[in-house]
Every structure is written in structure tokens, then in C-alpha cells.
């Protein structure tokens, strides 16, 4: 996983540390390490409000392995070097489906070796039927981090940034200003 800047401003220090841990594990579980640049959170239990800003690298939709990876011939097979770990799960599934698990080996964080594969054939393999939807994975990441009881939510999406204000109460203008400030800090 790349170096992700995660910072928390919380009125409850222990709770803030827990949410930082939840964010780290959720990024890891969703395989988003190569896509997330920073995550900022503001937690005010006494109000109650939870604000999260996630800055991410936008990935253009890649539908085939040839669009998502560099593919070169090697002795006894081919090496697939992915442009981002975001494609790893779909690439492995597609290659396993085509060649079987015994002929496909992950040899590095971004590298896969296929025994006896044809480079041109591999370039045309579809990663998934719907293509890659990074924004839905980022939204899922936020949903995993935000406390469950905070049902009132307001979100904004800008280029490479998702910000969500979550609370049990109606969202206030003060929280919107706090969210805007958090966005700026997350971009820095």
C-alpha cells in the first residue's frame, strides 16, 4: 500500500485513533491503497457530527488488460505489469477464468506471470463486464468508516475528492464550513 496521509481531528482522542485504524484497514480491505492520497476526518461526538474527506487519484475506465497493464513475453510465458493495484483483483479473476489458477501466479504487488500465455490474447481480456468504477469503491470506503447511527448525510464530489458530513441531526452551516476547511487540509 502506498503512503496514505490519514489525519483525524477528534474531541475524543481514543475514538479518533480508532477511526484512523478503521480507515487504514478499510483501505486495505478494499484494495484502494494505490488510489487514495489522503483521508481527513473531523469527529465531534458532543454535537454529534462526523466529517470525512477522501482525496483520491482518478482512474480512467480501463476495460481490457491491455489498457490497464504492460504485457511482455518472458521465457515460458508472459509477465503482466499492472498500472495500478486497483486492477489487481479483476485481473487475477479474469486470468484465472481464462488460464486456470495453476498457470497464473502473482509475482509482485503489481506483477502477474502467466505460464504459456499469448501476449495479444491477454491484452484483449476484459477486466470486468461493467469496467472499473472507482467512485463507487470510494463511496463504499466512506460508508465503512462513518459511524452507523449517523443517518443524516450530505455529500459533495469534486474532481478527485469526496466529502461527507454525517450526523444524527440536520446538517448545519457551521458543519459545511468545517467540511470545506477539511477539504482544503486534505488537499494540502
N, C-alpha and C. Protein backbone atom coordinates (compact mmCIF):
# COMPACT_ATOMS: atom_id res chain seq x y z
N UNK A 1 0.85 -1.17 0.00
CA UNK A 1 0.00 0.00 0.00
C UNK A 1 0.89 1.22 0.00
N UNK A 2 0.57 2.22 -0.84
CA UNK A 2 1.33 3.46 -0.89
C UNK A 2 1.18 4.24 0.39
N UNK A 3 1.95 5.31 0.49
CA UNK A 3 1.91 6.14 1.70
C UNK A 3 0.67 7.02 1.65
N UNK A 4 -0.29 6.73 2.50
CA UNK A 4 -1.54 7.48 2.56
C UNK A 4 -1.51 8.35 3.80
N UNK A 5 -1.81 9.62 3.61
CA UNK A 5 -1.86 10.54 4.74
C UNK A 5 -3.27 10.46 5.34
N UNK A 6 -3.36 10.02 6.59
CA UNK A 6 -4.65 9.94 7.29
C UNK A 6 -4.54 10.78 8.55
N UNK A 7 -5.41 11.77 8.67
CA UNK A 7 -5.38 12.58 9.88
C UNK A 7 -6.78 12.74 10.45
N UNK A 8 -6.82 12.83 11.78
CA UNK A 8 -8.10 12.89 12.49
C UNK A 8 -8.06 14.05 13.48
N UNK A 9 -9.10 14.87 13.45
CA UNK A 9 -9.29 15.94 14.44
C UNK A 9 -10.53 15.52 15.23
N UNK A 10 -10.31 15.02 16.45
CA UNK A 10 -11.42 14.47 17.23
C UNK A 10 -11.44 15.04 18.64
N UNK A 11 -12.65 15.29 19.14
CA UNK A 11 -12.80 15.74 20.53
C UNK A 11 -12.56 14.58 21.50
N UNK A 12 -12.52 13.35 20.98
CA UNK A 12 -12.23 12.15 21.77
C UNK A 12 -10.98 11.51 21.17
N UNK A 13 -9.83 11.68 21.83
CA UNK A 13 -8.56 11.22 21.28
C UNK A 13 -8.56 9.72 20.98
N UNK A 14 -9.03 8.90 21.93
CA UNK A 14 -9.05 7.45 21.73
C UNK A 14 -9.96 7.08 20.55
N UNK A 15 -11.14 7.69 20.50
CA UNK A 15 -12.07 7.43 19.40
C UNK A 15 -11.46 7.82 18.06
N UNK A 16 -10.74 8.93 18.03
CA UNK A 16 -10.08 9.36 16.80
C UNK A 16 -9.06 8.35 16.32
N UNK A 17 -8.29 7.79 17.26
CA UNK A 17 -7.31 6.76 16.91
C UNK A 17 -7.99 5.52 16.34
N UNK A 18 -9.14 5.18 16.91
CA UNK A 18 -9.89 4.02 16.42
C UNK A 18 -10.38 4.24 14.99
N UNK A 19 -10.87 5.45 14.69
CA UNK A 19 -11.35 5.73 13.34
C UNK A 19 -10.20 5.77 12.33
N UNK A 20 -9.03 6.21 12.76
CA UNK A 20 -7.85 6.17 11.88
C UNK A 20 -7.54 4.71 11.54
N UNK A 21 -7.59 3.84 12.54
CA UNK A 21 -7.34 2.41 12.32
C UNK A 21 -8.40 1.82 11.38
N UNK A 22 -9.66 2.16 11.61
CA UNK A 22 -10.75 1.67 10.74
C UNK A 22 -10.50 2.11 9.30
N UNK A 23 -10.09 3.37 9.11
CA UNK A 23 -9.81 3.88 7.76
C UNK A 23 -8.67 3.09 7.11
N UNK A 24 -7.59 2.88 7.85
CA UNK A 24 -6.45 2.13 7.31
C UNK A 24 -6.86 0.72 6.88
N UNK A 25 -7.58 0.02 7.75
CA UNK A 25 -8.00 -1.35 7.45
C UNK A 25 -8.99 -1.40 6.29
N UNK A 26 -9.89 -0.42 6.21
CA UNK A 26 -10.88 -0.39 5.13
C UNK A 26 -10.22 -0.14 3.78
N UNK A 27 -9.23 0.75 3.75
CA UNK A 27 -8.48 1.00 2.51
C UNK A 27 -7.81 -0.30 2.07
N UNK A 28 -7.20 -0.99 3.02
CA UNK A 28 -6.52 -2.25 2.73
C UNK A 28 -7.52 -3.31 2.25
N UNK A 29 -8.64 -3.46 2.95
CA UNK A 29 -9.64 -4.47 2.60
C UNK A 29 -10.22 -4.26 1.21
N UNK A 30 -10.39 -3.00 0.81
CA UNK A 30 -10.97 -2.70 -0.49
C UNK A 30 -9.92 -2.62 -1.60
N UNK A 31 -8.65 -2.79 -1.25
CA UNK A 31 -7.58 -2.74 -2.24
C UNK A 31 -7.41 -1.38 -2.88
N UNK A 32 -7.62 -0.33 -2.11
CA UNK A 32 -7.57 1.03 -2.65
C UNK A 32 -6.26 1.77 -2.34
N UNK A 33 -5.27 1.05 -1.82
CA UNK A 33 -4.03 1.69 -1.41
C UNK A 33 -3.37 2.52 -2.49
N UNK A 34 -3.41 2.09 -3.72
CA UNK A 34 -2.80 2.84 -4.81
C UNK A 34 -3.62 4.00 -5.30
N UNK A 35 -4.86 4.11 -4.86
CA UNK A 35 -5.75 5.16 -5.35
C UNK A 35 -5.99 6.29 -4.36
N UNK A 36 -5.87 6.02 -3.07
CA UNK A 36 -6.15 7.02 -2.05
C UNK A 36 -4.89 7.82 -1.77
N UNK A 37 -5.01 9.15 -1.80
CA UNK A 37 -3.88 10.01 -1.46
C UNK A 37 -3.94 10.45 -0.01
N UNK A 38 -5.12 10.85 0.44
CA UNK A 38 -5.26 11.26 1.84
C UNK A 38 -6.71 11.15 2.30
N UNK A 39 -6.85 10.99 3.62
CA UNK A 39 -8.17 10.94 4.25
C UNK A 39 -8.11 11.86 5.47
N UNK A 40 -9.06 12.77 5.55
CA UNK A 40 -9.16 13.63 6.72
C UNK A 40 -10.50 13.43 7.39
N UNK A 41 -10.51 13.43 8.72
CA UNK A 41 -11.75 13.25 9.46
C UNK A 41 -11.84 14.27 10.59
N UNK A 42 -13.04 14.81 10.78
CA UNK A 42 -13.34 15.66 11.93
C UNK A 42 -14.46 14.96 12.68
N UNK A 43 -14.22 14.71 13.97
CA UNK A 43 -15.20 13.99 14.78
C UNK A 43 -15.52 14.84 16.01
N UNK A 44 -16.80 15.19 16.16
CA UNK A 44 -17.27 15.93 17.33
C UNK A 44 -18.43 15.16 17.92
N UNK A 45 -18.14 14.30 18.89
CA UNK A 45 -19.16 13.44 19.50
C UNK A 45 -20.23 14.26 20.19
N UNK A 46 -19.84 15.37 20.81
CA UNK A 46 -20.79 16.18 21.58
C UNK A 46 -21.81 16.90 20.70
N UNK A 47 -21.57 17.04 19.40
CA UNK A 47 -22.51 17.82 18.56
C UNK A 47 -23.68 17.01 18.01
N UNK A 48 -23.76 15.85 17.60
CA UNK A 48 -22.74 14.94 17.11
C UNK A 48 -22.56 15.10 15.59
N UNK A 49 -21.31 15.10 15.14
CA UNK A 49 -21.03 15.18 13.70
C UNK A 49 -19.75 14.41 13.38
N UNK A 50 -19.75 13.82 12.19
CA UNK A 50 -18.59 13.10 11.66
C UNK A 50 -18.42 13.59 10.23
N UNK A 51 -17.27 14.18 9.93
CA UNK A 51 -17.00 14.69 8.58
C UNK A 51 -15.77 13.95 8.05
N UNK A 52 -15.88 13.47 6.83
CA UNK A 52 -14.75 12.77 6.20
C UNK A 52 -14.52 13.34 4.81
N UNK A 53 -13.26 13.56 4.48
CA UNK A 53 -12.86 14.00 3.14
C UNK A 53 -11.83 12.99 2.63
N UNK A 54 -12.09 12.44 1.45
CA UNK A 54 -11.18 11.45 0.86
C UNK A 54 -10.68 12.00 -0.46
N UNK A 55 -9.36 12.18 -0.55
CA UNK A 55 -8.76 12.63 -1.81
C UNK A 55 -8.17 11.40 -2.49
N UNK A 56 -8.50 11.24 -3.77
CA UNK A 56 -8.06 10.05 -4.49
C UNK A 56 -7.59 10.40 -5.89
N UNK A 57 -6.78 9.50 -6.45
CA UNK A 57 -6.30 9.64 -7.82
C UNK A 57 -7.40 9.10 -8.72
N UNK A 58 -7.83 9.92 -9.64
CA UNK A 58 -8.86 9.44 -10.55
C UNK A 58 -8.26 8.48 -11.56
N UNK A 59 -8.95 7.39 -11.79
CA UNK A 59 -8.50 6.37 -12.73
C UNK A 59 -9.49 6.35 -13.88
N UNK A 60 -8.97 6.52 -15.08
CA UNK A 60 -9.87 6.44 -16.22
C UNK A 60 -10.29 4.99 -16.39
N UNK A 61 -11.50 4.79 -16.86
CA UNK A 61 -12.03 3.44 -17.01
C UNK A 61 -11.19 2.61 -17.96
N UNK A 62 -10.73 1.51 -17.49
CA UNK A 62 -9.94 0.59 -18.31
C UNK A 62 -10.75 -0.71 -18.38
N UNK A 63 -11.05 -1.12 -19.61
CA UNK A 63 -11.91 -2.28 -19.78
C UNK A 63 -11.16 -3.57 -20.08
N UNK A 64 -9.96 -3.44 -20.67
CA UNK A 64 -9.19 -4.64 -21.00
C UNK A 64 -7.86 -4.65 -20.27
N UNK A 65 -7.27 -5.82 -20.18
CA UNK A 65 -5.97 -5.95 -19.53
C UNK A 65 -4.91 -5.14 -20.27
N UNK A 66 -5.02 -5.07 -21.59
CA UNK A 66 -4.07 -4.29 -22.38
C UNK A 66 -4.11 -2.81 -22.05
N UNK A 67 -5.28 -2.30 -21.63
CA UNK A 67 -5.41 -0.88 -21.25
C UNK A 67 -4.91 -0.63 -19.83
N UNK A 68 -4.92 -1.66 -19.00
CA UNK A 68 -4.59 -1.50 -17.58
C UNK A 68 -3.19 -1.99 -17.21
N UNK A 69 -2.47 -2.56 -18.19
CA UNK A 69 -1.18 -3.17 -17.85
C UNK A 69 -0.22 -3.15 -19.02
N UNK A 70 1.06 -3.28 -18.70
CA UNK A 70 2.10 -3.51 -19.70
C UNK A 70 2.30 -5.02 -19.75
N UNK A 71 2.26 -5.57 -20.95
CA UNK A 71 2.33 -7.02 -21.10
C UNK A 71 3.54 -7.36 -21.97
N UNK A 72 4.44 -8.20 -21.46
CA UNK A 72 5.61 -8.58 -22.25
C UNK A 72 5.89 -10.08 -22.15
N UNK A 73 6.50 -10.60 -23.22
CA UNK A 73 6.83 -12.02 -23.29
C UNK A 73 8.04 -12.33 -22.41
N UNK A 74 7.99 -13.48 -21.79
CA UNK A 74 9.08 -13.99 -20.97
C UNK A 74 9.28 -15.45 -21.36
N UNK A 75 10.37 -16.03 -20.89
CA UNK A 75 10.60 -17.45 -21.13
C UNK A 75 9.46 -18.24 -20.48
N UNK A 76 8.82 -19.09 -21.22
CA UNK A 76 7.73 -19.96 -20.75
C UNK A 76 6.42 -19.24 -20.43
N UNK A 77 6.27 -17.98 -20.82
CA UNK A 77 5.00 -17.31 -20.55
C UNK A 77 5.09 -15.80 -20.73
N UNK A 78 4.20 -15.10 -20.06
CA UNK A 78 4.17 -13.64 -20.16
C UNK A 78 4.09 -13.01 -18.78
N UNK A 79 4.60 -11.78 -18.70
CA UNK A 79 4.52 -11.01 -17.46
C UNK A 79 3.54 -9.86 -17.70
N UNK A 80 2.63 -9.71 -16.76
CA UNK A 80 1.64 -8.63 -16.79
C UNK A 80 2.00 -7.67 -15.66
N UNK A 81 2.31 -6.41 -16.01
CA UNK A 81 2.65 -5.40 -15.01
C UNK A 81 1.53 -4.38 -14.99
N UNK A 82 0.74 -4.38 -13.94
CA UNK A 82 -0.43 -3.50 -13.84
C UNK A 82 -0.02 -2.06 -13.59
N UNK A 83 -0.80 -1.12 -14.12
CA UNK A 83 -0.52 0.31 -13.92
C UNK A 83 -0.94 0.76 -12.52
N UNK A 84 -1.84 0.02 -11.88
CA UNK A 84 -2.30 0.35 -10.54
C UNK A 84 -2.81 -0.91 -9.85
N UNK A 85 -2.62 -1.00 -8.53
CA UNK A 85 -3.10 -2.18 -7.81
C UNK A 85 -4.63 -2.23 -7.76
N UNK A 86 -5.26 -1.17 -8.18
CA UNK A 86 -6.72 -1.11 -8.22
C UNK A 86 -7.29 -2.19 -9.15
N UNK A 87 -6.48 -2.58 -10.16
CA UNK A 87 -6.93 -3.56 -11.15
C UNK A 87 -6.57 -5.00 -10.78
N UNK A 88 -5.83 -5.18 -9.69
CA UNK A 88 -5.29 -6.50 -9.36
C UNK A 88 -6.36 -7.58 -9.22
N UNK A 89 -7.38 -7.32 -8.42
CA UNK A 89 -8.43 -8.33 -8.20
C UNK A 89 -9.11 -8.75 -9.49
N UNK A 90 -9.53 -7.77 -10.30
CA UNK A 90 -10.21 -8.08 -11.56
C UNK A 90 -9.27 -8.79 -12.53
N UNK A 91 -7.98 -8.38 -12.55
CA UNK A 91 -7.02 -9.00 -13.46
C UNK A 91 -6.81 -10.47 -13.09
N UNK A 92 -6.62 -10.74 -11.81
CA UNK A 92 -6.44 -12.13 -11.38
C UNK A 92 -7.67 -12.98 -11.70
N UNK A 93 -8.86 -12.46 -11.42
CA UNK A 93 -10.09 -13.22 -11.71
C UNK A 93 -10.20 -13.54 -13.19
N UNK A 94 -9.92 -12.53 -14.04
CA UNK A 94 -10.03 -12.72 -15.49
C UNK A 94 -9.00 -13.74 -15.99
N UNK A 95 -7.78 -13.64 -15.49
CA UNK A 95 -6.73 -14.58 -15.92
C UNK A 95 -6.99 -15.99 -15.39
N UNK A 96 -7.47 -16.11 -14.16
CA UNK A 96 -7.81 -17.43 -13.62
C UNK A 96 -8.92 -18.07 -14.44
N UNK A 97 -9.89 -17.27 -14.83
CA UNK A 97 -11.01 -17.77 -15.61
C UNK A 97 -10.53 -18.30 -16.97
N UNK A 98 -9.59 -17.60 -17.57
CA UNK A 98 -9.09 -17.96 -18.90
C UNK A 98 -8.06 -19.10 -18.85
N UNK A 99 -7.11 -19.03 -17.92
CA UNK A 99 -5.98 -19.96 -17.91
C UNK A 99 -5.97 -20.95 -16.74
N UNK A 100 -6.79 -20.73 -15.73
CA UNK A 100 -6.78 -21.59 -14.55
C UNK A 100 -5.77 -21.10 -13.53
N UNK A 101 -6.04 -21.39 -12.28
CA UNK A 101 -5.19 -20.90 -11.18
C UNK A 101 -3.77 -21.47 -11.23
N UNK A 102 -3.62 -22.67 -11.75
CA UNK A 102 -2.30 -23.30 -11.76
C UNK A 102 -1.34 -22.63 -12.75
N UNK A 103 -1.84 -21.88 -13.72
CA UNK A 103 -0.97 -21.22 -14.71
C UNK A 103 -0.79 -19.73 -14.44
N UNK A 104 -1.46 -19.20 -13.41
CA UNK A 104 -1.39 -17.77 -13.10
C UNK A 104 -0.79 -17.58 -11.71
N UNK A 105 0.27 -16.76 -11.64
CA UNK A 105 0.95 -16.55 -10.37
C UNK A 105 1.22 -15.06 -10.16
N UNK A 106 0.84 -14.55 -9.00
CA UNK A 106 1.16 -13.16 -8.66
C UNK A 106 2.60 -13.16 -8.15
N UNK A 107 3.49 -12.47 -8.87
CA UNK A 107 4.92 -12.50 -8.52
C UNK A 107 5.37 -11.22 -7.84
N UNK A 108 4.51 -10.24 -7.78
CA UNK A 108 4.83 -8.97 -7.12
C UNK A 108 3.55 -8.22 -6.85
N UNK A 109 3.69 -7.06 -6.22
CA UNK A 109 2.50 -6.27 -5.88
C UNK A 109 1.68 -5.92 -7.12
N UNK A 110 2.38 -5.63 -8.23
CA UNK A 110 1.69 -5.25 -9.46
C UNK A 110 1.99 -6.21 -10.61
N UNK A 111 2.64 -7.33 -10.33
CA UNK A 111 3.07 -8.22 -11.41
C UNK A 111 2.43 -9.61 -11.30
N UNK A 112 2.04 -10.10 -12.48
CA UNK A 112 1.44 -11.43 -12.59
C UNK A 112 2.16 -12.17 -13.70
N UNK A 113 2.47 -13.44 -13.47
CA UNK A 113 3.09 -14.27 -14.50
C UNK A 113 2.07 -15.31 -14.96
N UNK A 114 1.93 -15.44 -16.30
CA UNK A 114 1.01 -16.41 -16.88
C UNK A 114 1.84 -17.41 -17.68
N UNK A 115 1.84 -18.66 -17.26
CA UNK A 115 2.59 -19.72 -17.96
C UNK A 115 1.93 -20.01 -19.30
N UNK A 116 2.73 -19.92 -20.37
CA UNK A 116 2.25 -20.28 -21.69
C UNK A 116 1.19 -19.38 -22.29
N UNK A 117 1.04 -18.18 -21.79
CA UNK A 117 0.03 -17.26 -22.33
C UNK A 117 0.48 -16.56 -23.60
N UNK A 118 -0.46 -16.14 -24.41
CA UNK A 118 -0.19 -15.38 -25.63
C UNK A 118 -0.40 -13.90 -25.33
N UNK A 119 0.63 -13.04 -25.51
CA UNK A 119 0.50 -11.62 -25.16
C UNK A 119 -0.68 -10.91 -25.82
N UNK A 120 -0.91 -11.17 -27.10
CA UNK A 120 -2.02 -10.49 -27.79
C UNK A 120 -3.37 -10.93 -27.24
N UNK A 121 -3.49 -12.20 -26.93
CA UNK A 121 -4.73 -12.73 -26.36
C UNK A 121 -4.98 -12.12 -24.98
N UNK A 122 -3.93 -12.02 -24.17
CA UNK A 122 -4.06 -11.46 -22.82
C UNK A 122 -4.45 -9.98 -22.88
N UNK A 123 -3.90 -9.24 -23.84
CA UNK A 123 -4.22 -7.81 -23.97
C UNK A 123 -5.72 -7.59 -24.17
N UNK A 124 -6.39 -8.52 -24.83
CA UNK A 124 -7.81 -8.37 -25.13
C UNK A 124 -8.75 -8.86 -24.04
N UNK A 125 -8.22 -9.46 -22.98
CA UNK A 125 -9.08 -9.99 -21.92
C UNK A 125 -9.76 -8.85 -21.18
N UNK A 126 -11.08 -8.96 -21.04
CA UNK A 126 -11.86 -7.94 -20.33
C UNK A 126 -11.65 -8.08 -18.82
N UNK A 127 -11.45 -6.94 -18.17
CA UNK A 127 -11.25 -6.94 -16.72
C UNK A 127 -12.55 -7.25 -15.99
N UNK A 128 -13.64 -6.65 -16.44
CA UNK A 128 -14.95 -6.93 -15.85
C UNK A 128 -16.00 -6.49 -16.84
N UNK A 129 -17.21 -6.94 -16.64
CA UNK A 129 -18.28 -6.61 -17.57
C UNK A 129 -18.66 -5.13 -17.54
N UNK A 130 -18.57 -4.52 -16.37
CA UNK A 130 -19.01 -3.13 -16.25
C UNK A 130 -17.86 -2.13 -16.25
N UNK A 131 -16.62 -2.60 -16.36
CA UNK A 131 -15.50 -1.69 -16.27
C UNK A 131 -15.24 -1.37 -14.80
N UNK A 132 -14.27 -0.55 -14.54
CA UNK A 132 -13.90 -0.27 -13.16
C UNK A 132 -14.56 1.01 -12.68
N UNK A 133 -15.26 0.95 -11.57
CA UNK A 133 -15.95 2.11 -11.03
C UNK A 133 -15.31 2.52 -9.71
N UNK A 134 -14.29 3.37 -9.80
CA UNK A 134 -13.56 3.80 -8.61
C UNK A 134 -14.46 4.59 -7.66
N UNK A 135 -15.32 5.45 -8.21
CA UNK A 135 -16.16 6.28 -7.34
C UNK A 135 -17.05 5.45 -6.43
N UNK A 136 -17.58 4.35 -6.92
CA UNK A 136 -18.43 3.52 -6.06
C UNK A 136 -17.59 2.86 -4.96
N UNK A 137 -16.34 2.50 -5.26
CA UNK A 137 -15.47 1.91 -4.24
C UNK A 137 -15.08 2.96 -3.20
N UNK A 138 -14.89 4.22 -3.62
CA UNK A 138 -14.57 5.30 -2.68
C UNK A 138 -15.78 5.54 -1.78
N UNK A 139 -16.98 5.53 -2.36
CA UNK A 139 -18.20 5.70 -1.56
C UNK A 139 -18.35 4.56 -0.56
N UNK A 140 -18.02 3.34 -0.98
CA UNK A 140 -18.08 2.20 -0.07
C UNK A 140 -17.07 2.36 1.07
N UNK A 141 -15.89 2.89 0.75
CA UNK A 141 -14.88 3.15 1.78
C UNK A 141 -15.43 4.11 2.82
N UNK A 142 -16.02 5.21 2.37
CA UNK A 142 -16.58 6.20 3.30
C UNK A 142 -17.67 5.56 4.16
N UNK A 143 -18.54 4.77 3.54
CA UNK A 143 -19.64 4.13 4.28
C UNK A 143 -19.11 3.19 5.37
N UNK A 144 -17.99 2.54 5.11
CA UNK A 144 -17.40 1.64 6.12
C UNK A 144 -16.83 2.41 7.31
N UNK A 145 -16.38 3.63 7.06
CA UNK A 145 -15.72 4.41 8.11
C UNK A 145 -16.72 5.20 8.96
N UNK A 146 -17.75 5.76 8.33
CA UNK A 146 -18.73 6.61 9.03
C UNK A 146 -19.50 5.78 10.07
N UNK A 147 -19.71 6.32 11.28
CA UNK A 147 -20.49 5.60 12.30
C UNK A 147 -21.89 5.24 11.80
N UNK A 148 -22.36 4.05 12.14
CA UNK A 148 -23.65 3.55 11.64
C UNK A 148 -24.84 4.40 12.01
N UNK A 149 -24.89 4.94 13.21
CA UNK A 149 -26.07 5.68 13.65
C UNK A 149 -26.25 7.05 13.01
N UNK A 150 -25.25 7.50 12.28
CA UNK A 150 -25.31 8.84 11.68
C UNK A 150 -25.99 8.76 10.32
N UNK A 151 -27.31 8.86 10.33
CA UNK A 151 -28.13 8.64 9.13
C UNK A 151 -28.33 9.89 8.27
N UNK A 152 -28.23 11.07 8.87
CA UNK A 152 -28.39 12.31 8.10
C UNK A 152 -27.05 12.59 7.44
N UNK A 153 -27.04 12.63 6.11
CA UNK A 153 -25.77 12.79 5.40
C UNK A 153 -25.89 13.79 4.26
N UNK A 154 -24.82 14.53 4.09
CA UNK A 154 -24.69 15.43 2.95
C UNK A 154 -23.34 15.16 2.32
N UNK A 155 -23.30 15.02 1.02
CA UNK A 155 -22.02 14.73 0.38
C UNK A 155 -21.77 15.64 -0.80
N UNK A 156 -20.50 15.87 -1.07
CA UNK A 156 -20.09 16.62 -2.26
C UNK A 156 -18.97 15.85 -2.93
N UNK A 157 -19.02 15.82 -4.25
CA UNK A 157 -17.96 15.19 -5.04
C UNK A 157 -17.38 16.26 -5.95
N UNK A 158 -16.09 16.39 -5.88
CA UNK A 158 -15.36 17.26 -6.79
C UNK A 158 -14.29 16.40 -7.42
N UNK A 159 -13.59 16.91 -8.38
CA UNK A 159 -12.55 16.14 -9.06
C UNK A 159 -11.56 15.56 -8.06
N UNK A 160 -11.58 14.25 -7.91
CA UNK A 160 -10.64 13.56 -7.04
C UNK A 160 -10.90 13.73 -5.55
N UNK A 161 -12.10 14.15 -5.15
CA UNK A 161 -12.38 14.39 -3.73
C UNK A 161 -13.84 14.05 -3.43
N UNK A 162 -14.04 13.30 -2.35
CA UNK A 162 -15.38 13.01 -1.83
C UNK A 162 -15.41 13.49 -0.39
N UNK A 163 -16.41 14.32 -0.06
CA UNK A 163 -16.57 14.81 1.30
C UNK A 163 -17.98 14.47 1.77
N UNK A 164 -18.08 13.92 2.97
CA UNK A 164 -19.39 13.57 3.53
C UNK A 164 -19.49 14.11 4.95
N UNK A 165 -20.62 14.77 5.22
CA UNK A 165 -20.96 15.21 6.57
C UNK A 165 -22.05 14.26 7.05
N UNK A 166 -21.84 13.64 8.21
CA UNK A 166 -22.81 12.69 8.74
C UNK A 166 -23.15 13.06 10.18
N UNK A 167 -24.44 12.95 10.51
CA UNK A 167 -24.89 13.30 11.86
C UNK A 167 -26.20 12.59 12.17
N UNK A 168 -26.63 12.75 13.42
CA UNK A 168 -27.97 12.29 13.82
C UNK A 168 -28.96 13.44 13.66
N UNK A 169 -28.45 14.66 13.51
CA UNK A 169 -29.26 15.88 13.43
C UNK A 169 -29.13 16.52 12.06
N UNK A 170 -30.04 17.46 11.73
CA UNK A 170 -29.92 18.18 10.46
C UNK A 170 -28.55 18.87 10.35
N UNK A 171 -28.02 18.89 9.14
CA UNK A 171 -26.68 19.45 8.90
C UNK A 171 -26.73 20.98 9.00
N UNK A 172 -25.78 21.53 9.75
CA UNK A 172 -25.74 22.98 9.97
C UNK A 172 -24.75 23.65 9.02
N UNK A 173 -24.89 24.96 8.87
CA UNK A 173 -23.98 25.74 8.04
C UNK A 173 -22.56 25.70 8.61
N UNK A 174 -22.44 25.68 9.93
CA UNK A 174 -21.13 25.59 10.57
C UNK A 174 -20.40 24.31 10.19
N UNK A 175 -21.14 23.21 10.10
CA UNK A 175 -20.53 21.94 9.70
C UNK A 175 -20.09 21.99 8.24
N UNK A 176 -20.88 22.67 7.41
CA UNK A 176 -20.50 22.80 5.99
C UNK A 176 -19.18 23.56 5.87
N UNK A 177 -19.02 24.62 6.69
CA UNK A 177 -17.77 25.39 6.68
C UNK A 177 -16.61 24.53 7.19
N UNK A 178 -16.88 23.73 8.21
CA UNK A 178 -15.86 22.82 8.75
C UNK A 178 -15.45 21.80 7.68
N UNK A 179 -16.42 21.32 6.91
CA UNK A 179 -16.14 20.36 5.83
C UNK A 179 -15.29 21.01 4.74
N UNK A 180 -15.60 22.26 4.39
CA UNK A 180 -14.82 22.97 3.37
C UNK A 180 -13.37 23.15 3.83
N UNK A 181 -13.19 23.47 5.11
CA UNK A 181 -11.85 23.61 5.67
C UNK A 181 -11.11 22.26 5.64
N UNK A 182 -11.82 21.19 5.98
CA UNK A 182 -11.22 19.86 5.96
C UNK A 182 -10.79 19.47 4.54
N UNK A 183 -11.60 19.82 3.54
CA UNK A 183 -11.24 19.55 2.14
C UNK A 183 -9.91 20.21 1.80
N UNK A 184 -9.76 21.47 2.20
CA UNK A 184 -8.51 22.19 1.92
C UNK A 184 -7.33 21.51 2.60
N UNK A 185 -7.50 21.11 3.85
CA UNK A 185 -6.42 20.43 4.58
C UNK A 185 -6.08 19.08 3.95
N UNK A 186 -7.09 18.40 3.43
CA UNK A 186 -6.88 17.10 2.82
C UNK A 186 -6.15 17.24 1.48
N UNK A 187 -6.37 18.35 0.78
CA UNK A 187 -5.68 18.60 -0.49
C UNK A 187 -4.21 18.95 -0.28
N UNK A 188 -3.88 19.52 0.88
CA UNK A 188 -2.50 20.01 1.13
C UNK A 188 -1.49 18.89 1.22
